[in-house]
Amino acid sequence: MRNGYSGGSERNIVQVQGNAQVKAEKTTIVVQVQPKSSRNRVTGFEDGVLHVKIAAPPVKGKANQELLRFLSDILGVAKSNITIEKGLTSRRKVICISGMTREQVTRELGK
């Protein structure tokens, strides 16, 4: 455990739409980013941390934008469903993914 963060969680949020209640899953993952790589790719999952190489440089948020786009493509969710909760200026980030369970995220990243 680093800085009081254990690596991931799942939260159930109930949203009311009309007369129906919709459960929105939220999953957090820890991501270690290496910017300025030759291409975007997932390099592994070690000690609860997803390691990702991103082609964009860490200038003016370009690497963060590219990370969100890349994760969106891999996971098959909209970019608006992925946010950086912690670590905007750090290589280690806590990413929140809405609309997916931890099992779904793990399965999609393992492909």
C-alpha atoms as a PDB file:
ATOM      1  CA  MET A   1       0.000   0.000   0.000  1.00  0.00           C
ATOM      2  CA  ARG A   2       1.434   3.349  -1.029  1.00  0.00           C
ATOM      3  CA  ASN A   3       0.124   6.695   0.219  1.00  0.00           C
ATOM      4  CA  GLY A   4      -2.872   4.944   1.763  1.00  0.00           C
ATOM      5  CA  TYR A   5      -4.122   3.630  -1.588  1.00  0.00           C
ATOM      6  CA  SER A   6      -4.587  -0.113  -1.939  1.00  0.00           C
ATOM      7  CA  GLY A   7      -4.820  -0.371  -5.720  1.00  0.00           C
ATOM      8  CA  GLY A   8      -8.449  -0.356  -6.741  1.00  0.00           C
ATOM      9  CA  SER A   9     -12.033  -0.175  -5.726  1.00  0.00           C
ATOM     10  CA  GLU A  10     -15.529  -0.461  -7.021  1.00  0.00           C
ATOM     11  CA  ARG A  11     -18.379   1.879  -6.203  1.00  0.00           C
ATOM     12  CA  ASN A  12     -22.020   1.468  -7.057  1.00  0.00           C
ATOM     13  CA  ILE A  13     -23.848   4.692  -7.789  1.00  0.00           C
ATOM     14  CA  VAL A  14     -27.564   4.752  -8.360  1.00  0.00           C
ATOM     15  CA  GLN A  15     -28.800   7.321 -10.877  1.00  0.00           C
ATOM     16  CA  VAL A  16     -32.490   8.035 -11.297  1.00  0.00           C
ATOM     17  CA  GLN A  17     -33.715   8.444 -14.857  1.00  0.00           C
ATOM     18  CA  GLY A  18     -37.460   8.969 -15.045  1.00  0.00           C
ATOM     19  CA  ASN A  19     -38.976   6.158 -12.995  1.00  0.00           C
ATOM     20  CA  ALA A  20     -36.046   3.793 -13.521  1.00  0.00           C
ATOM     21  CA  GLN A  21     -32.912   3.479 -11.445  1.00  0.00           C
ATOM     22  CA  VAL A  22     -29.675   2.784 -13.313  1.00  0.00           C
ATOM     23  CA  LYS A  23     -26.664   1.393 -11.492  1.00  0.00           C
ATOM     24  CA  ALA A  24     -23.391   2.856 -12.712  1.00  0.00           C
ATOM     25  CA  GLU A  25     -20.263   0.877 -11.863  1.00  0.00           C
ATOM     26  CA  LYS A  26     -17.073   2.787 -11.119  1.00  0.00           C
ATOM     27  CA  THR A  27     -13.702   1.103 -10.951  1.00  0.00           C
ATOM     28  CA  THR A  28     -10.357   2.655 -10.090  1.00  0.00           C
ATOM     29  CA  ILE A  29      -6.980   1.373 -11.251  1.00  0.00           C
ATOM     30  CA  VAL A  30      -3.429   2.550 -10.680  1.00  0.00           C
ATOM     31  CA  VAL A  31      -1.484   3.218 -13.878  1.00  0.00           C
ATOM     32  CA  GLN A  32       2.257   3.833 -14.271  1.00  0.00           C
ATOM     33  CA  VAL A  33       2.820   5.830 -17.480  1.00  0.00           C
ATOM     34  CA  GLN A  34       5.990   6.043 -19.534  1.00  0.00           C
ATOM     35  CA  PRO A  35       5.603   8.921 -22.019  1.00  0.00           C
ATOM     36  CA  LYS A  36       7.559   9.498 -25.260  1.00  0.00           C
ATOM     37  CA  SER A  37       7.493   5.829 -26.246  1.00  0.00           C
ATOM     38  CA  SER A  38       7.650   4.683 -29.861  1.00  0.00           C
ATOM     39  CA  ARG A  39       3.982   3.613 -29.678  1.00  0.00           C
ATOM     40  CA  ASN A  40       1.088   3.202 -27.249  1.00  0.00           C
ATOM     41  CA  ARG A  41       0.959  -0.169 -25.511  1.00  0.00           C
ATOM     42  CA  VAL A  42       0.240  -1.945 -22.266  1.00  0.00           C
ATOM     43  CA  THR A  43       3.461  -3.503 -21.010  1.00  0.00           C
ATOM     44  CA  GLY A  44       2.113  -5.440 -18.049  1.00  0.00           C
ATOM     45  CA  PHE A  45       0.367  -5.575 -14.722  1.00  0.00           C
ATOM     46  CA  GLU A  46       2.608  -5.849 -11.674  1.00  0.00           C
ATOM     47  CA  ASP A  47       1.867  -5.441  -7.953  1.00  0.00           C
ATOM     48  CA  GLY A  48      -1.567  -3.966  -8.665  1.00  0.00           C
ATOM     49  CA  VAL A  49      -0.200  -1.375 -11.110  1.00  0.00           C
ATOM     50  CA  LEU A  50      -0.933  -1.306 -14.841  1.00  0.00           C
ATOM     51  CA  HIS A  51       2.178  -0.284 -16.824  1.00  0.00           C
ATOM     52  CA  VAL A  52       1.476   1.669 -20.020  1.00  0.00           C
ATOM     53  CA  LYS A  53       3.766   3.256 -22.601  1.00  0.00           C
ATOM     54  CA  ILE A  54       2.378   6.329 -24.373  1.00  0.00           C
ATOM     55  CA  ALA A  55       3.805   7.905 -27.533  1.00  0.00           C
ATOM     56  CA  ALA A  56       2.843  11.480 -26.625  1.00  0.00           C
ATOM     57  CA  PRO A  57       5.287  13.710 -24.711  1.00  0.00           C
ATOM     58  CA  PRO A  58       4.465  14.871 -21.169  1.00  0.00           C
ATOM     59  CA  VAL A  59       3.937  18.469 -22.311  1.00  0.00           C
ATOM     60  CA  LYS A  60       0.769  20.514 -21.680  1.00  0.00           C
ATOM     61  CA  GLY A  61      -1.253  17.411 -20.794  1.00  0.00           C
ATOM     62  CA  LYS A  62      -0.699  15.672 -24.145  1.00  0.00           C
ATOM     63  CA  ALA A  63       0.377  12.394 -22.528  1.00  0.00           C
ATOM     64  CA  ASN A  64      -2.678  12.467 -20.221  1.00  0.00           C
ATOM     65  CA  GLN A  65      -5.015  13.056 -23.170  1.00  0.00           C
ATOM     66  CA  GLU A  66      -3.370  10.255 -25.133  1.00  0.00           C
ATOM     67  CA  LEU A  67      -3.564   7.908 -22.124  1.00  0.00           C
ATOM     68  CA  LEU A  68      -7.312   8.519 -21.779  1.00  0.00           C
ATOM     69  CA  ARG A  69      -7.839   8.002 -25.524  1.00  0.00           C
ATOM     70  CA  PHE A  70      -5.744   4.809 -25.501  1.00  0.00           C
ATOM     71  CA  LEU A  71      -7.545   3.334 -22.465  1.00  0.00           C
ATOM     72  CA  SER A  72     -10.881   4.296 -24.031  1.00  0.00           C
ATOM     73  CA  ASP A  73      -9.998   2.357 -27.191  1.00  0.00           C
ATOM     74  CA  ILE A  74      -8.774  -0.708 -25.283  1.00  0.00           C
ATOM     75  CA  LEU A  75     -11.704  -0.835 -22.857  1.00  0.00           C
ATOM     76  CA  GLY A  76     -14.372   0.054 -25.405  1.00  0.00           C
ATOM     77  CA  VAL A  77     -15.853   2.923 -23.384  1.00  0.00           C
ATOM     78  CA  ALA A  78     -16.268   6.613 -24.142  1.00  0.00           C
ATOM     79  CA  LYS A  79     -13.416   8.927 -23.166  1.00  0.00           C
ATOM     80  CA  SER A  80     -15.880  10.803 -20.977  1.00  0.00           C
ATOM     81  CA  ASN A  81     -16.185   7.652 -18.813  1.00  0.00           C
ATOM     82  CA  ILE A  82     -12.484   7.691 -17.931  1.00  0.00           C
ATOM     83  CA  THR A  83     -10.986  10.295 -15.625  1.00  0.00           C
ATOM     84  CA  ILE A  84      -7.683  10.854 -13.872  1.00  0.00           C
ATOM     85  CA  GLU A  85      -8.533  11.033 -10.177  1.00  0.00           C
ATOM     86  CA  LYS A  86      -4.965  11.553  -8.893  1.00  0.00           C
ATOM     87  CA  GLY A  87      -1.588  12.149 -10.464  1.00  0.00           C
ATOM     88  CA  LEU A  88      -2.210  14.685 -13.242  1.00  0.00           C
ATOM     89  CA  THR A  89       1.472  15.689 -13.188  1.00  0.00           C
ATOM     90  CA  SER A  90       2.877  12.357 -12.042  1.00  0.00           C
ATOM     91  CA  ARG A  91       3.767   9.187 -13.922  1.00  0.00           C
ATOM     92  CA  ARG A  92       1.721   7.173 -11.427  1.00  0.00           C
ATOM     93  CA  LYS A  93      -1.977   7.916 -11.804  1.00  0.00           C
ATOM     94  CA  VAL A  94      -5.245   6.746 -10.303  1.00  0.00           C
ATOM     95  CA  ILE A  95      -7.748   6.289 -13.114  1.00  0.00           C
ATOM     96  CA  CYS A  96     -11.513   6.030 -12.568  1.00  0.00           C
ATOM     97  CA  ILE A  97     -13.540   4.105 -15.164  1.00  0.00           C
ATOM     98  CA  SER A  98     -17.329   4.510 -15.135  1.00  0.00           C
ATOM     99  CA  GLY A  99     -19.657   1.852 -16.453  1.00  0.00           C
ATOM    100  CA  MET A 100     -17.354  -1.148 -15.950  1.00  0.00           C
ATOM    101  CA  THR A 101     -16.699  -3.541 -13.092  1.00  0.00           C
ATOM    102  CA  ARG A 102     -13.171  -4.461 -12.033  1.00  0.00           C
ATOM    103  CA  GLU A 103     -13.623  -7.884 -13.645  1.00  0.00           C
ATOM    104  CA  GLN A 104     -14.618  -6.307 -16.977  1.00  0.00           C
ATOM    105  CA  VAL A 105     -11.634  -3.944 -16.888  1.00  0.00           C
ATOM    106  CA  THR A 106      -9.244  -6.792 -16.087  1.00  0.00           C
ATOM    107  CA  ARG A 107     -10.687  -8.955 -18.867  1.00  0.00           C
ATOM    108  CA  GLU A 108     -10.422  -6.179 -21.497  1.00  0.00           C
ATOM    109  CA  LEU A 109      -6.866  -5.246 -20.485  1.00  0.00           C
ATOM    110  CA  GLY A 110      -5.824  -8.907 -20.674  1.00  0.00           C
ATOM    111  CA  LYS A 111      -6.798  -9.253 -24.347  1.00  0.00           C
END
